[in-house]
Amino acid sequence: MAEVPGLLVSAPSSGTGKTTVMLGLLRALAEDGLAMQPFKSGPDYIDPAFHHAACGRPSFNLDGWAMGPGLWQAIAGQAAGADICLAEGSMGLYDGVATRGQQGFGSSAETARAMGWPVVLVLDVGGQAQSAAATALGFRRYMPDLPFAGVILNRVASPRHERLTRLGMERAGLPVLGVLPRRGDLTLPERHLGLIQAAEHPDLEAAIAGYADFLRAHVDLGTIRAAAAGKPLPQDPPPLPRPPAQRIALARDAAFSFTYPHLLEGWRAAGAEILPFSPLADEAPAAEADLVWLPGGYPELHAGRLAEAEGFRTGLRHHAQTKPVHGECGGYMALGEALIDKDGTRHRMAGLLGLVTSYAARKFHLGYRRAVLCAPMAGFDAGTALRGHEFHYSTILEQPDAPLAAVSDADGAAVAETGSRRGRVTGTFFHLIAAEEAPASGPRRDCPTEEDRSPAETR
């Protein structure tokens, strides 16, 4: 069995600089001639595109809550042929959900332990010195069997600050892998779902090159390379998820871009033909497509252009007369009757579902989702249990169609956003990660009825 050593870049919390470190390390090590395989721990669908831009290899998510062992092995197998794996954690190192999923609770620490990747802990030491060692030591000892490479000190204010902070780390017996001076320009642009999309960055190549130069100047790359370790990869990994159709018309532009990379890779590997089209350019889906798939993204930022895209809307409606259409999150909103933007302006959408959503009535929705299908969805039979993740700020004002699934959160509590179906058209607010490989523990709810749904969903 092949072994590709790796590291997992994590931090005590979000906002500490781990994405900057991740991108800088990927590019710097790739410039040194190493074939880098990036991964993202957890259900993030924005960061993998930045990873790809940094090192030239597609990045894949690993998620212990949503993924069974077969899919995990299939994704880990994508590292074959690489020299080093580098994974980016989500949130804080030990953050996950309270109820166990298919393999775990979804924390980055679980990913590192499962893969045998030592943790590089990025610490924002602003406002403290020796005390930072107590934080690092707590993270090191919280899970004693977690492999640990050392720390990178970020946002160091001065040579004196560095000297004091290093003293604390030496006393705690923690290796310091790098010291990053405070710089205000080492941030990536953000919007309400986190980072902007990689394709939207005004000068992504220059930014990543700058991160690499910064990391090369302030981090011991040789020591970091030497710290990489890992467990053997599966010799004959299972295949990635199969495609829901042979020819898939996939919406792909600034409004629709959030699809998990392992799904697209699995579809292509199984011989499916991906036919991209741009609703924002008023392109209709390919007439020969067997399925139209509208991913999530930022339709709320482009609602006016989508409302004017008559060619896209006509082609979509024509397709739905005889063949399936599916949308997730932003794609689901675009299939609805209308979308109301943050200023309260109502924009006409495709009208294939009765859904009306609003960003003026803003509400935060975030978390894992388990959905048992009440009816078939493209590629899946009724009764199939799916796992995914929901992340948006919209509110349902109207949802008159039949529910698509009985949906619950990670702890098994019912979720009102059930998705919907009408004819051959289906939609969900969660982004699909995987179908369950075996029945999972926890309640299996009946499909919602009209009485179960809130007034806002049915009026």
Protein backbone atom coordinates (compact mmCIF):
# COMPACT_ATOMS: atom_id res chain seq x y z
CA MET A 1 0.00 0.00 0.00
CA ALA A 2 1.34 3.44 -0.95
CA GLU A 3 2.04 5.97 1.76
CA VAL A 4 1.85 9.70 1.08
CA PRO A 5 2.90 11.74 4.13
CA GLY A 6 0.79 14.70 5.10
CA LEU A 7 0.07 17.53 7.52
CA LEU A 8 -3.10 19.22 8.69
CA VAL A 9 -3.09 23.00 9.13
CA SER A 10 -5.46 24.02 11.90
CA ALA A 11 -5.97 26.63 14.61
CA PRO A 12 -7.79 27.23 17.89
CA SER A 13 -10.56 29.11 16.04
CA SER A 14 -11.57 30.70 12.76
CA GLY A 15 -9.90 33.94 11.75
CA THR A 16 -6.38 33.07 12.90
CA GLY A 17 -4.73 32.94 9.46
CA LYS A 18 -4.76 29.24 8.64
CA THR A 19 -6.01 29.77 5.07
CA THR A 20 -3.14 32.16 4.35
CA VAL A 21 -0.68 29.64 5.79
CA MET A 22 -2.30 26.81 3.82
CA LEU A 23 -2.10 28.63 0.49
CA GLY A 24 1.43 29.87 1.12
CA LEU A 25 2.68 26.40 2.05
CA LEU A 26 0.98 24.76 -0.92
CA ARG A 27 2.57 27.19 -3.38
CA ALA A 28 6.00 27.30 -1.73
CA LEU A 29 6.32 23.51 -1.58
CA ALA A 30 5.00 23.15 -5.12
CA GLU A 31 7.62 25.66 -6.26
CA ASP A 32 10.21 23.40 -4.61
CA GLY A 33 9.15 20.64 -7.01
CA LEU A 34 6.80 18.65 -4.77
CA ALA A 35 3.49 17.30 -6.06
CA MET A 36 1.09 18.61 -3.42
CA GLN A 37 -2.32 17.02 -2.76
CA PRO A 38 -4.63 19.43 -0.94
CA PHE A 39 -7.63 18.46 1.18
CA LYS A 40 -10.22 20.33 3.22
CA SER A 41 -11.50 18.88 6.47
CA GLY A 42 -15.20 19.51 6.83
CA PRO A 43 -18.00 20.74 4.58
CA ASP A 44 -16.45 23.85 3.03
CA TYR A 45 -17.02 24.31 -0.71
CA ILE A 46 -15.10 27.59 -1.22
CA ASP A 47 -11.59 26.80 0.08
CA PRO A 48 -10.91 23.85 -2.30
CA ALA A 49 -10.91 26.19 -5.31
CA PHE A 50 -8.23 28.33 -3.64
CA HIS A 51 -6.20 25.19 -2.90
CA HIS A 52 -6.41 24.13 -6.54
CA ALA A 53 -5.21 27.55 -7.67
CA ALA A 54 -2.26 27.37 -5.25
CA CYS A 55 -0.81 24.02 -6.33
CA GLY A 56 -2.52 22.85 -9.52
CA ARG A 57 -4.15 19.70 -8.11
CA PRO A 58 -7.86 19.43 -7.26
CA SER A 59 -8.64 19.65 -3.54
CA PHE A 60 -11.13 17.28 -1.89
CA ASN A 61 -13.17 17.38 1.30
CA LEU A 62 -12.87 14.74 4.03
CA ASP A 63 -15.77 14.68 6.46
CA GLY A 64 -16.24 12.11 9.22
CA TRP A 65 -19.85 13.07 9.94
CA ALA A 66 -21.16 12.98 6.39
CA MET A 67 -18.96 10.34 4.78
CA GLY A 68 -18.89 6.59 5.29
CA PRO A 69 -15.66 4.57 5.18
CA GLY A 70 -16.02 3.71 1.49
CA LEU A 71 -16.23 7.32 0.33
CA TRP A 72 -13.50 8.33 2.77
CA GLN A 73 -11.15 5.74 1.25
CA ALA A 74 -12.12 6.78 -2.28
CA ILE A 75 -11.27 10.41 -1.55
CA ALA A 76 -8.06 9.58 0.32
CA GLY A 77 -7.05 7.56 -2.71
CA GLN A 78 -6.94 10.77 -4.77
CA ALA A 79 -3.56 11.44 -3.13
CA ALA A 80 -1.94 8.66 -5.16
CA GLY A 81 1.07 10.03 -7.01
CA ALA A 82 1.49 13.05 -4.72
CA ASP A 83 4.59 13.73 -2.62
CA ILE A 84 2.85 15.39 0.33
CA CYS A 85 -0.77 15.88 1.40
CA LEU A 86 -1.68 19.18 3.00
CA ALA A 87 -5.11 19.56 4.56
CA GLU A 88 -6.81 22.67 5.91
CA GLY A 89 -8.99 22.34 8.98
CA SER A 90 -12.36 23.98 9.60
CA MET A 91 -13.09 26.32 12.52
CA GLY A 92 -11.09 25.23 15.59
CA LEU A 93 -9.13 21.98 15.67
CA TYR A 94 -11.59 20.11 17.90
CA ASP A 95 -14.84 21.73 16.77
CA GLY A 96 -17.52 19.31 15.58
CA VAL A 97 -21.13 18.38 16.24
CA ALA A 98 -22.50 16.73 19.38
CA THR A 99 -23.93 13.56 17.81
CA ARG A 100 -21.74 11.03 16.00
CA GLY A 101 -22.20 10.72 12.26
CA GLN A 102 -21.17 7.97 9.85
CA GLN A 103 -17.63 7.84 11.27
CA GLY A 104 -17.23 10.68 13.73
CA PHE A 105 -18.26 14.15 14.83
CA GLY A 106 -16.80 16.08 11.90
CA SER A 107 -13.81 17.69 13.64
CA SER A 108 -10.49 18.45 11.99
CA ALA A 109 -8.71 16.54 14.77
CA GLU A 110 -10.57 13.38 13.74
CA THR A 111 -9.39 13.87 10.15
CA ALA A 112 -5.77 14.27 11.25
CA ARG A 113 -5.91 11.22 13.50
CA ALA A 114 -7.65 9.05 10.90
CA MET A 115 -5.08 9.91 8.22
CA GLY A 116 -2.06 10.01 10.54
CA TRP A 117 -1.33 13.63 9.59
CA PRO A 118 0.53 15.68 12.24
CA VAL A 119 -1.14 18.98 13.11
CA VAL A 120 0.45 22.34 12.36
CA LEU A 121 -1.30 24.68 14.79
CA VAL A 122 -1.52 28.31 13.64
CA LEU A 123 -1.69 30.60 16.69
CA ASP A 124 -2.70 34.27 16.60
CA VAL A 125 -0.45 35.54 19.40
CA GLY A 126 -1.59 39.15 19.23
CA GLY A 127 -2.15 40.52 22.71
CA GLN A 128 -0.23 37.78 24.49
CA ALA A 129 3.25 36.30 24.73
CA GLN A 130 4.18 33.37 27.02
CA SER A 131 0.47 32.76 27.62
CA ALA A 132 0.14 31.52 24.02
CA ALA A 133 2.04 28.39 25.11
CA ALA A 134 -0.71 27.48 27.55
CA THR A 135 -3.23 27.55 24.69
CA ALA A 136 -0.99 25.46 22.46
CA LEU A 137 -0.23 22.99 25.23
CA GLY A 138 -3.93 22.51 25.91
CA PHE A 139 -4.55 21.76 22.24
CA ARG A 140 -1.61 19.35 22.20
CA ARG A 141 -2.83 17.37 25.24
CA TYR A 142 -6.59 17.45 24.69
CA MET A 143 -6.37 14.40 22.39
CA PRO A 144 -3.16 12.63 23.48
CA ASP A 145 -2.97 10.29 20.47
CA LEU A 146 -3.27 13.12 17.94
CA PRO A 147 -0.04 13.50 15.93
CA PHE A 148 1.36 16.99 16.44
CA ALA A 149 4.05 18.72 14.37
CA GLY A 150 4.32 22.08 16.11
CA VAL A 151 3.09 25.67 15.99
CA ILE A 152 3.31 28.63 13.65
CA LEU A 153 3.12 31.92 15.51
CA ASN A 154 1.05 34.45 13.57
CA ARG A 155 0.74 38.24 13.91
CA VAL A 156 3.91 38.70 15.91
CA ALA A 157 4.38 42.41 16.66
CA SER A 158 8.14 42.76 17.27
CA PRO A 159 11.40 40.87 17.91
CA ARG A 160 10.77 41.20 21.66
CA HIS A 161 7.28 39.75 21.24
CA GLU A 162 8.75 36.83 19.30
CA ARG A 163 11.43 36.20 21.93
CA LEU A 164 8.92 36.11 24.79
CA THR A 165 6.48 33.90 22.91
CA ARG A 166 9.24 31.47 21.95
CA LEU A 167 10.28 31.23 25.61
CA GLY A 168 6.80 30.03 26.49
CA MET A 169 6.83 27.44 23.71
CA GLU A 170 10.26 26.16 24.77
CA ARG A 171 9.05 25.79 28.35
CA ALA A 172 6.04 23.81 27.10
CA GLY A 173 8.22 21.64 24.84
CA LEU A 174 6.42 22.70 21.66
CA PRO A 175 8.35 23.09 18.36
CA VAL A 176 8.04 26.50 16.70
CA LEU A 177 7.85 25.92 12.94
CA GLY A 178 7.61 29.55 11.94
CA VAL A 179 7.01 33.11 13.10
CA LEU A 180 4.87 35.38 10.93
CA PRO A 181 5.12 39.13 11.49
CA ARG A 182 1.91 41.11 11.59
CA ARG A 183 0.88 42.30 8.11
CA GLY A 184 -2.46 43.84 7.26
CA ASP A 185 -2.39 42.86 3.60
CA LEU A 186 -2.30 39.10 4.24
CA THR A 187 -6.06 38.62 4.19
CA LEU A 188 -8.47 37.32 1.59
CA PRO A 189 -11.64 39.24 0.68
CA GLU A 190 -14.81 37.95 2.33
CA ARG A 191 -18.57 38.21 2.04
CA HIS A 192 -21.47 36.72 4.00
CA LEU A 193 -20.63 33.05 3.29
CA GLY A 194 -16.95 33.50 4.08
CA LEU A 195 -14.28 34.02 1.43
CA ILE A 196 -15.25 35.29 -1.98
CA GLN A 197 -14.97 32.66 -4.69
CA ALA A 198 -11.51 32.03 -6.08
CA ALA A 199 -12.65 32.99 -9.58
CA GLU A 200 -13.78 36.40 -8.29
CA HIS A 201 -10.50 37.40 -6.63
CA PRO A 202 -9.17 40.47 -8.44
CA ASP A 203 -5.60 39.09 -8.57
CA LEU A 204 -5.50 35.65 -7.01
CA GLU A 205 -2.22 34.56 -8.58
CA ALA A 206 -0.35 37.57 -7.21
CA ALA A 207 -1.93 37.08 -3.79
CA ILE A 208 -0.92 33.41 -3.56
CA ALA A 209 2.59 34.17 -4.83
CA GLY A 210 2.86 36.79 -2.10
CA TYR A 211 1.73 34.31 0.56
CA ALA A 212 4.35 31.83 -0.65
CA ASP A 213 7.14 34.42 -0.49
CA PHE A 214 6.01 35.43 3.00
CA LEU A 215 5.91 31.83 4.24
CA ARG A 216 9.27 31.04 2.66
CA ALA A 217 10.84 33.98 4.50
CA HIS A 218 9.37 33.21 7.92
CA VAL A 219 8.71 29.45 8.13
CA ASP A 220 11.15 26.53 8.26
CA LEU A 221 9.94 24.63 5.18
CA GLY A 222 12.52 21.87 5.66
CA THR A 223 11.33 21.12 9.17
CA ILE A 224 7.71 21.20 8.05
CA ARG A 225 8.45 18.75 5.23
CA ALA A 226 10.28 16.46 7.63
CA ALA A 227 7.32 16.50 10.04
CA ALA A 228 4.90 15.11 7.45
CA ALA A 229 3.66 11.59 8.13
CA GLY A 230 0.65 9.45 7.32
CA LYS A 231 -0.98 6.09 7.17
CA PRO A 232 -0.84 3.95 4.01
CA LEU A 233 -3.40 4.79 1.34
CA PRO A 234 -5.86 2.07 0.30
CA GLN A 235 -4.32 0.02 -2.51
CA ASP A 236 -7.59 -0.42 -4.41
CA PRO A 237 -9.87 2.36 -3.16
CA PRO A 238 -13.60 2.19 -3.91
CA PRO A 239 -14.92 4.39 -6.70
CA LEU A 240 -16.16 7.90 -6.04
CA PRO A 241 -19.95 8.51 -6.21
CA ARG A 242 -21.52 7.57 -9.51
CA PRO A 243 -23.22 10.20 -11.67
CA PRO A 244 -26.98 10.78 -11.47
CA ALA A 245 -27.18 10.78 -15.29
CA GLN A 246 -25.00 10.19 -18.33
CA ARG A 247 -25.11 13.74 -19.73
CA ILE A 248 -25.38 16.43 -17.08
CA ALA A 249 -25.95 20.08 -17.93
CA LEU A 250 -24.21 21.86 -15.04
CA ALA A 251 -24.77 25.56 -14.36
CA ARG A 252 -21.34 27.12 -13.90
CA ASP A 253 -20.73 30.83 -13.40
CA ALA A 254 -20.44 33.43 -10.63
CA ALA A 255 -24.00 32.70 -9.47
CA PHE A 256 -23.71 28.89 -9.47
CA SER A 257 -20.40 27.36 -8.46
CA PHE A 258 -20.71 25.37 -5.22
CA THR A 259 -20.44 21.65 -5.94
CA TYR A 260 -18.26 19.32 -3.89
CA PRO A 261 -15.20 18.32 -5.96
CA HIS A 262 -15.48 14.59 -5.16
CA LEU A 263 -18.91 14.50 -6.82
CA LEU A 264 -17.73 16.06 -10.06
CA GLU A 265 -14.60 13.88 -10.10
CA GLY A 266 -16.74 10.78 -9.53
CA TRP A 267 -19.14 11.73 -12.29
CA ARG A 268 -16.31 12.22 -14.78
CA ALA A 269 -14.47 9.07 -13.69
CA ALA A 270 -17.61 7.01 -14.35
CA GLY A 271 -17.84 8.38 -17.88
CA ALA A 272 -20.52 11.03 -17.45
CA GLU A 273 -20.41 13.99 -19.80
CA ILE A 274 -20.49 17.34 -17.96
CA LEU A 275 -22.03 20.07 -20.13
CA PRO A 276 -21.41 23.45 -18.45
CA PHE A 277 -23.58 26.45 -19.22
CA SER A 278 -23.97 29.95 -17.81
CA PRO A 279 -27.39 31.22 -16.72
CA LEU A 280 -25.85 34.68 -16.21
CA ALA A 281 -24.88 34.69 -19.89
CA ASP A 282 -28.48 33.68 -20.68
CA GLU A 283 -27.38 30.27 -21.93
CA ALA A 284 -29.91 27.45 -22.02
CA PRO A 285 -28.88 23.98 -20.83
CA ALA A 286 -27.76 21.64 -23.62
CA ALA A 287 -30.76 20.12 -25.36
CA GLU A 288 -29.15 16.66 -25.33
CA ALA A 289 -28.62 16.66 -21.55
CA ASP A 290 -30.32 13.95 -19.49
CA LEU A 291 -30.30 16.10 -16.34
CA VAL A 292 -29.93 19.77 -15.46
CA TRP A 293 -28.13 20.43 -12.17
CA LEU A 294 -28.09 23.93 -10.66
CA PRO A 295 -25.49 24.13 -7.86
CA GLY A 296 -25.43 26.62 -5.03
CA GLY A 297 -23.65 29.93 -5.22
CA TYR A 298 -24.66 33.56 -5.01
CA PRO A 299 -27.86 34.03 -7.07
CA GLU A 300 -28.91 36.80 -4.67
CA LEU A 301 -26.04 38.96 -5.97
CA HIS A 302 -27.15 38.46 -9.57
CA ALA A 303 -30.93 38.22 -9.20
CA GLY A 304 -31.59 41.07 -11.66
CA ARG A 305 -29.60 39.41 -14.44
CA LEU A 306 -31.21 36.04 -13.75
CA ALA A 307 -34.65 37.65 -13.95
CA GLU A 308 -33.79 38.95 -17.43
CA ALA A 309 -32.29 35.65 -18.67
CA GLU A 310 -35.23 34.57 -20.79
CA GLY A 311 -33.23 32.13 -22.90
CA PHE A 312 -32.01 30.31 -19.80
CA ARG A 313 -35.51 30.22 -18.31
CA THR A 314 -37.16 28.97 -21.52
CA GLY A 315 -34.57 26.24 -22.00
CA LEU A 316 -34.93 25.13 -18.40
CA ARG A 317 -38.71 24.89 -18.67
CA HIS A 318 -38.49 22.97 -21.92
CA HIS A 319 -36.09 20.47 -20.38
CA ALA A 320 -38.31 19.97 -17.31
CA GLN A 321 -41.21 18.85 -19.47
CA THR A 322 -39.52 15.51 -20.16
CA LYS A 323 -36.33 15.24 -18.06
CA PRO A 324 -35.26 15.96 -14.47
CA VAL A 325 -33.98 19.26 -13.09
CA HIS A 326 -32.38 19.58 -9.64
CA GLY A 327 -31.17 22.61 -7.72
CA GLU A 328 -29.39 22.90 -4.39
CA CYS A 329 -29.36 26.00 -2.18
CA GLY A 330 -28.85 28.90 -4.62
CA GLY A 331 -29.89 26.66 -7.50
CA TYR A 332 -33.04 25.73 -5.57
CA MET A 333 -33.88 29.41 -5.10
CA ALA A 334 -33.39 30.02 -8.83
CA LEU A 335 -35.91 27.26 -9.63
CA GLY A 336 -38.52 29.02 -7.50
CA GLU A 337 -41.12 31.64 -8.29
CA ALA A 338 -39.20 34.63 -6.99
CA LEU A 339 -36.16 35.79 -5.04
CA ILE A 340 -36.27 38.98 -2.95
CA ASP A 341 -32.89 40.64 -2.56
CA LYS A 342 -31.54 42.37 0.55
CA ASP A 343 -33.05 45.69 -0.57
CA GLY A 344 -36.51 44.18 -0.78
CA THR A 345 -36.70 44.05 -4.58
CA ARG A 346 -38.58 41.04 -5.91
CA HIS A 347 -36.98 39.27 -8.89
CA ARG A 348 -38.68 36.73 -11.09
CA MET A 349 -37.03 33.30 -11.12
CA ALA A 350 -37.64 30.19 -13.26
CA GLY A 351 -41.06 29.37 -11.75
CA LEU A 352 -40.57 25.59 -11.93
CA LEU A 353 -41.26 25.46 -8.19
CA GLY A 354 -43.46 27.72 -6.09
CA LEU A 355 -40.62 28.68 -3.74
CA VAL A 356 -40.26 32.35 -2.79
CA THR A 357 -37.16 33.27 -0.77
CA SER A 358 -36.03 36.54 0.76
CA TYR A 359 -32.72 38.06 1.75
CA ALA A 360 -34.51 41.10 3.13
CA ALA A 361 -35.95 38.85 5.83
CA ARG A 362 -32.42 37.61 6.57
CA LYS A 363 -31.97 34.44 8.68
CA PHE A 364 -28.81 32.40 9.21
CA HIS A 365 -29.00 28.67 8.39
CA LEU A 366 -25.89 26.58 9.07
CA GLY A 367 -25.26 22.93 9.79
CA TYR A 368 -25.14 19.33 8.69
CA ARG A 369 -28.31 17.82 7.25
CA ARG A 370 -29.61 14.25 7.00
CA ALA A 371 -32.42 13.84 4.48
CA VAL A 372 -34.54 10.76 3.83
CA LEU A 373 -36.12 11.19 0.40
CA CYS A 374 -39.91 11.11 0.20
CA ALA A 375 -39.73 10.82 -3.58
CA PRO A 376 -37.04 10.07 -6.17
CA MET A 377 -34.37 12.68 -6.82
CA ALA A 378 -31.95 12.61 -9.73
CA GLY A 379 -29.73 9.57 -9.13
CA PHE A 380 -31.46 8.47 -5.89
CA ASP A 381 -34.56 6.42 -5.08
CA ALA A 382 -37.24 7.36 -2.59
CA GLY A 383 -36.21 6.25 0.90
CA THR A 384 -32.51 6.95 0.31
CA ALA A 385 -30.79 8.73 3.19
CA LEU A 386 -28.55 11.58 2.05
CA ARG A 387 -26.03 13.62 4.00
CA GLY A 388 -25.17 17.22 3.25
CA HIS A 389 -24.61 20.68 4.64
CA GLU A 390 -26.72 23.85 4.63
CA PHE A 391 -25.28 27.38 4.72
CA HIS A 392 -27.27 30.43 3.65
CA TYR A 393 -28.98 33.57 4.91
CA SER A 394 -32.33 33.41 3.11
CA THR A 395 -35.83 32.94 4.50
CA ILE A 396 -38.66 30.96 2.92
CA LEU A 397 -41.74 33.12 2.37
CA GLU A 398 -43.71 30.60 0.30
CA GLN A 399 -43.20 26.91 -0.40
CA PRO A 400 -46.46 25.42 -1.72
CA ASP A 401 -45.01 22.27 -3.32
CA ALA A 402 -44.75 18.77 -1.87
CA PRO A 403 -41.73 18.24 0.41
CA LEU A 404 -38.83 16.33 -1.10
CA ALA A 405 -37.45 14.81 2.09
CA ALA A 406 -37.72 14.46 5.83
CA VAL A 407 -34.74 16.53 6.93
CA SER A 408 -33.00 16.65 10.30
CA ASP A 409 -29.90 18.31 11.69
CA ALA A 410 -26.80 16.56 13.04
CA ASP A 411 -28.54 15.84 16.34
CA GLY A 412 -31.69 14.40 14.73
CA ALA A 413 -33.92 17.43 15.29
CA ALA A 414 -36.39 18.09 12.48
CA VAL A 415 -35.49 20.88 10.04
CA ALA A 416 -38.24 22.90 8.37
CA GLU A 417 -36.32 23.29 5.09
CA THR A 418 -37.50 20.02 3.55
CA GLY A 419 -36.80 20.86 -0.07
CA SER A 420 -39.60 20.51 -2.58
CA ARG A 421 -40.69 18.75 -5.74
CA ARG A 422 -43.03 19.37 -8.62
CA GLY A 423 -43.17 17.02 -11.57
CA ARG A 424 -39.59 16.28 -12.64
CA VAL A 425 -38.17 19.24 -10.70
CA THR A 426 -36.58 18.88 -7.25
CA GLY A 427 -34.66 21.19 -4.97
CA THR A 428 -32.93 21.19 -1.58
CA PHE A 429 -31.38 23.82 0.65
CA PHE A 430 -28.55 21.48 1.61
CA HIS A 431 -25.54 20.79 -0.58
CA LEU A 432 -25.24 17.06 -1.23
CA ILE A 433 -22.11 15.38 0.14
CA ALA A 434 -22.98 11.67 0.06
CA ALA A 435 -25.62 9.00 0.31
CA GLU A 436 -25.36 6.90 3.44
CA GLU A 437 -23.43 3.69 2.92
CA ALA A 438 -25.41 1.87 5.63
CA PRO A 439 -28.44 2.74 7.75
CA ALA A 440 -27.37 5.22 10.41
CA SER A 441 -28.59 5.30 13.97
CA GLY A 442 -31.09 7.94 15.00
CA PRO A 443 -34.74 8.68 14.26
CA ARG A 444 -36.15 8.07 10.81
CA ARG A 445 -38.95 10.54 10.36
CA ASP A 446 -41.97 10.22 8.15
CA CYS A 447 -42.25 12.67 5.29
CA PRO A 448 -43.75 16.00 6.37
CA THR A 449 -47.43 16.69 5.73
CA GLU A 450 -49.13 20.04 5.23
CA GLU A 451 -49.93 20.09 8.97
CA ASP A 452 -46.25 19.60 9.87
CA ARG A 453 -45.03 22.60 7.91
CA SER A 454 -44.93 26.15 9.18
CA PRO A 455 -47.36 28.80 7.87
CA ALA A 456 -44.51 30.59 6.10
CA GLU A 457 -43.80 27.46 4.05
CA THR A 458 -47.38 26.82 2.98
CA ARG A 459 -49.01 30.20 2.45
